[in-house]
């Protein structure tokens, strides 16, 4: 699975959970890595709407 913003591969834990989060944009869940979460913080939804 790849991050929507930086296009890098998102790590997956042994329970098949991603090390990041999903953000809901226009009714769809979009994967975002933990690095992009830290970088954009509260502005994450505004950045993804572009």
N, C-alpha and C. Protein backbone atom coordinates (compact mmCIF):
# COMPACT_ATOMS: atom_id res chain seq x y z
N UNK A 1 0.84 -1.16 0.00
CA UNK A 1 0.00 0.00 0.00
C UNK A 1 0.89 1.24 0.00
N UNK A 2 0.50 2.28 -0.74
CA UNK A 2 1.30 3.48 -0.85
C UNK A 2 0.58 4.68 -0.27
N UNK A 3 1.36 5.62 0.23
CA UNK A 3 0.82 6.87 0.76
C UNK A 3 0.30 7.73 -0.39
N UNK A 4 -0.82 8.37 -0.19
CA UNK A 4 -1.43 9.19 -1.23
C UNK A 4 -0.61 10.45 -1.51
N UNK A 5 0.04 11.00 -0.51
CA UNK A 5 0.78 12.25 -0.68
C UNK A 5 2.20 12.05 -1.21
N UNK A 6 2.98 11.21 -0.54
CA UNK A 6 4.40 11.08 -0.90
C UNK A 6 4.69 9.87 -1.80
N UNK A 7 3.72 9.00 -2.00
CA UNK A 7 3.84 7.81 -2.87
C UNK A 7 4.85 6.78 -2.38
N UNK A 8 5.26 6.88 -1.10
CA UNK A 8 6.15 5.87 -0.54
C UNK A 8 5.34 4.72 0.03
N UNK A 9 5.95 3.57 0.16
CA UNK A 9 5.28 2.39 0.68
C UNK A 9 5.04 2.56 2.19
N UNK A 10 3.83 2.23 2.64
CA UNK A 10 3.47 2.31 4.05
C UNK A 10 3.77 0.96 4.69
N UNK A 11 4.45 0.99 5.83
CA UNK A 11 4.79 -0.24 6.53
C UNK A 11 3.53 -0.87 7.13
N UNK A 12 3.52 -2.20 7.20
CA UNK A 12 2.38 -2.93 7.75
C UNK A 12 2.88 -3.75 8.93
N UNK A 13 2.13 -3.70 10.05
CA UNK A 13 2.51 -4.46 11.24
C UNK A 13 2.14 -5.93 11.06
N UNK A 14 2.47 -6.75 12.03
CA UNK A 14 2.22 -8.18 11.92
C UNK A 14 0.73 -8.51 11.98
N UNK A 15 -0.12 -7.57 12.40
CA UNK A 15 -1.56 -7.79 12.43
C UNK A 15 -2.24 -7.16 11.22
N UNK A 16 -1.46 -6.87 10.18
CA UNK A 16 -1.95 -6.26 8.93
C UNK A 16 -2.58 -4.89 9.14
N UNK A 17 -2.05 -4.13 10.11
CA UNK A 17 -2.47 -2.75 10.31
C UNK A 17 -1.37 -1.86 9.75
N UNK A 18 -1.76 -0.74 9.14
CA UNK A 18 -0.76 0.15 8.56
C UNK A 18 -0.18 1.06 9.63
N UNK A 19 1.08 1.48 9.44
CA UNK A 19 1.70 2.45 10.33
C UNK A 19 1.42 3.82 9.76
N UNK A 20 0.23 4.27 9.96
CA UNK A 20 -0.26 5.54 9.44
C UNK A 20 -1.74 5.62 9.75
N UNK A 21 -2.49 6.23 8.86
CA UNK A 21 -3.92 6.35 9.09
C UNK A 21 -4.66 6.43 7.78
N UNK A 22 -5.95 6.34 7.86
CA UNK A 22 -6.82 6.55 6.72
C UNK A 22 -7.54 7.87 6.92
N UNK A 23 -7.65 8.68 5.87
CA UNK A 23 -8.36 9.94 5.92
C UNK A 23 -9.51 9.86 4.93
N UNK A 24 -10.68 10.31 5.36
CA UNK A 24 -11.85 10.25 4.49
C UNK A 24 -11.90 11.52 3.63
N UNK A 25 -11.83 11.34 2.30
CA UNK A 25 -11.88 12.44 1.34
C UNK A 25 -12.91 12.11 0.28
N UNK A 26 -13.91 12.95 0.14
CA UNK A 26 -14.97 12.77 -0.86
C UNK A 26 -15.59 11.38 -0.78
N UNK A 27 -15.82 10.89 0.44
CA UNK A 27 -16.48 9.61 0.64
C UNK A 27 -15.59 8.39 0.51
N UNK A 28 -14.30 8.58 0.26
CA UNK A 28 -13.37 7.45 0.13
C UNK A 28 -12.31 7.53 1.22
N UNK A 29 -11.87 6.37 1.69
CA UNK A 29 -10.78 6.32 2.65
C UNK A 29 -9.45 6.28 1.91
N UNK A 30 -8.56 7.20 2.27
CA UNK A 30 -7.28 7.36 1.60
C UNK A 30 -6.17 7.08 2.61
N UNK A 31 -5.21 6.19 2.29
CA UNK A 31 -4.11 5.91 3.23
C UNK A 31 -3.06 7.03 3.22
N UNK A 32 -2.58 7.36 4.43
CA UNK A 32 -1.54 8.38 4.60
C UNK A 32 -0.52 7.84 5.58
N UNK A 33 0.76 7.95 5.26
CA UNK A 33 1.82 7.43 6.14
C UNK A 33 2.01 8.32 7.36
N UNK A 34 2.70 7.80 8.36
CA UNK A 34 2.90 8.54 9.60
C UNK A 34 3.79 9.76 9.40
N UNK A 35 4.73 9.71 8.45
CA UNK A 35 5.59 10.86 8.18
C UNK A 35 4.79 12.05 7.65
N UNK A 36 3.86 11.78 6.72
CA UNK A 36 3.01 12.85 6.18
C UNK A 36 2.05 13.36 7.24
N UNK A 37 1.62 12.49 8.14
CA UNK A 37 0.77 12.91 9.25
C UNK A 37 1.50 13.93 10.11
N UNK A 38 2.76 13.65 10.42
CA UNK A 38 3.55 14.56 11.24
C UNK A 38 3.81 15.87 10.50
N UNK A 39 4.11 15.78 9.21
CA UNK A 39 4.46 16.94 8.41
C UNK A 39 3.29 17.91 8.25
N UNK A 40 2.11 17.38 7.94
CA UNK A 40 0.97 18.24 7.63
C UNK A 40 0.02 18.46 8.82
N UNK A 41 -0.04 17.54 9.75
CA UNK A 41 -0.84 17.70 10.96
C UNK A 41 -2.30 17.99 10.67
N UNK A 42 -2.80 19.11 11.21
CA UNK A 42 -4.21 19.47 11.06
C UNK A 42 -4.58 19.88 9.64
N UNK A 43 -3.61 20.24 8.83
CA UNK A 43 -3.87 20.67 7.46
C UNK A 43 -4.03 19.49 6.50
N UNK A 44 -4.00 18.30 7.00
CA UNK A 44 -3.99 17.09 6.16
C UNK A 44 -5.20 17.01 5.24
N UNK A 45 -6.39 17.27 5.75
CA UNK A 45 -7.58 17.20 4.91
C UNK A 45 -7.57 18.29 3.84
N UNK A 46 -7.05 19.47 4.15
CA UNK A 46 -6.97 20.55 3.16
C UNK A 46 -5.99 20.21 2.05
N UNK A 47 -4.91 19.55 2.37
CA UNK A 47 -3.89 19.18 1.38
C UNK A 47 -4.44 18.11 0.44
N UNK A 48 -5.22 17.17 0.96
CA UNK A 48 -5.74 16.08 0.16
C UNK A 48 -6.89 16.49 -0.76
N UNK A 49 -7.56 17.58 -0.49
CA UNK A 49 -8.70 18.01 -1.31
C UNK A 49 -8.27 18.55 -2.66
N UNK A 50 -6.99 18.81 -2.83
CA UNK A 50 -6.49 19.37 -4.09
C UNK A 50 -6.60 18.42 -5.23
